[in-house]
Amino acid sequence: MSPREKLHRVFDLNQTVHELAAARIRAQHGPQISERELRLRLASLWLDRSTMIKAFGWDPEVQGY
């Protein structure tokens, strides 16, 4: 597999992980969840708590992941 193909494969796998995480959040919080809240909950899966609070005013320990 060429480096380009490997990079494409990694991108596809990351996209799949993102989609699965979003599906779990929608299943847990309902389909009415706003796009902003969905994105914040997704970001909180990858960013640490202090960054989430400083950057977005979102405390994952209070509002959830």
Foldseek 3Di string as FASTA:
>chain_A
DDPVVVVVVVVVVVVVVLVVLLVVVCVVPHVVDDPVVSVLQSVPVPDPQVCSCVVPVDGCVVVND
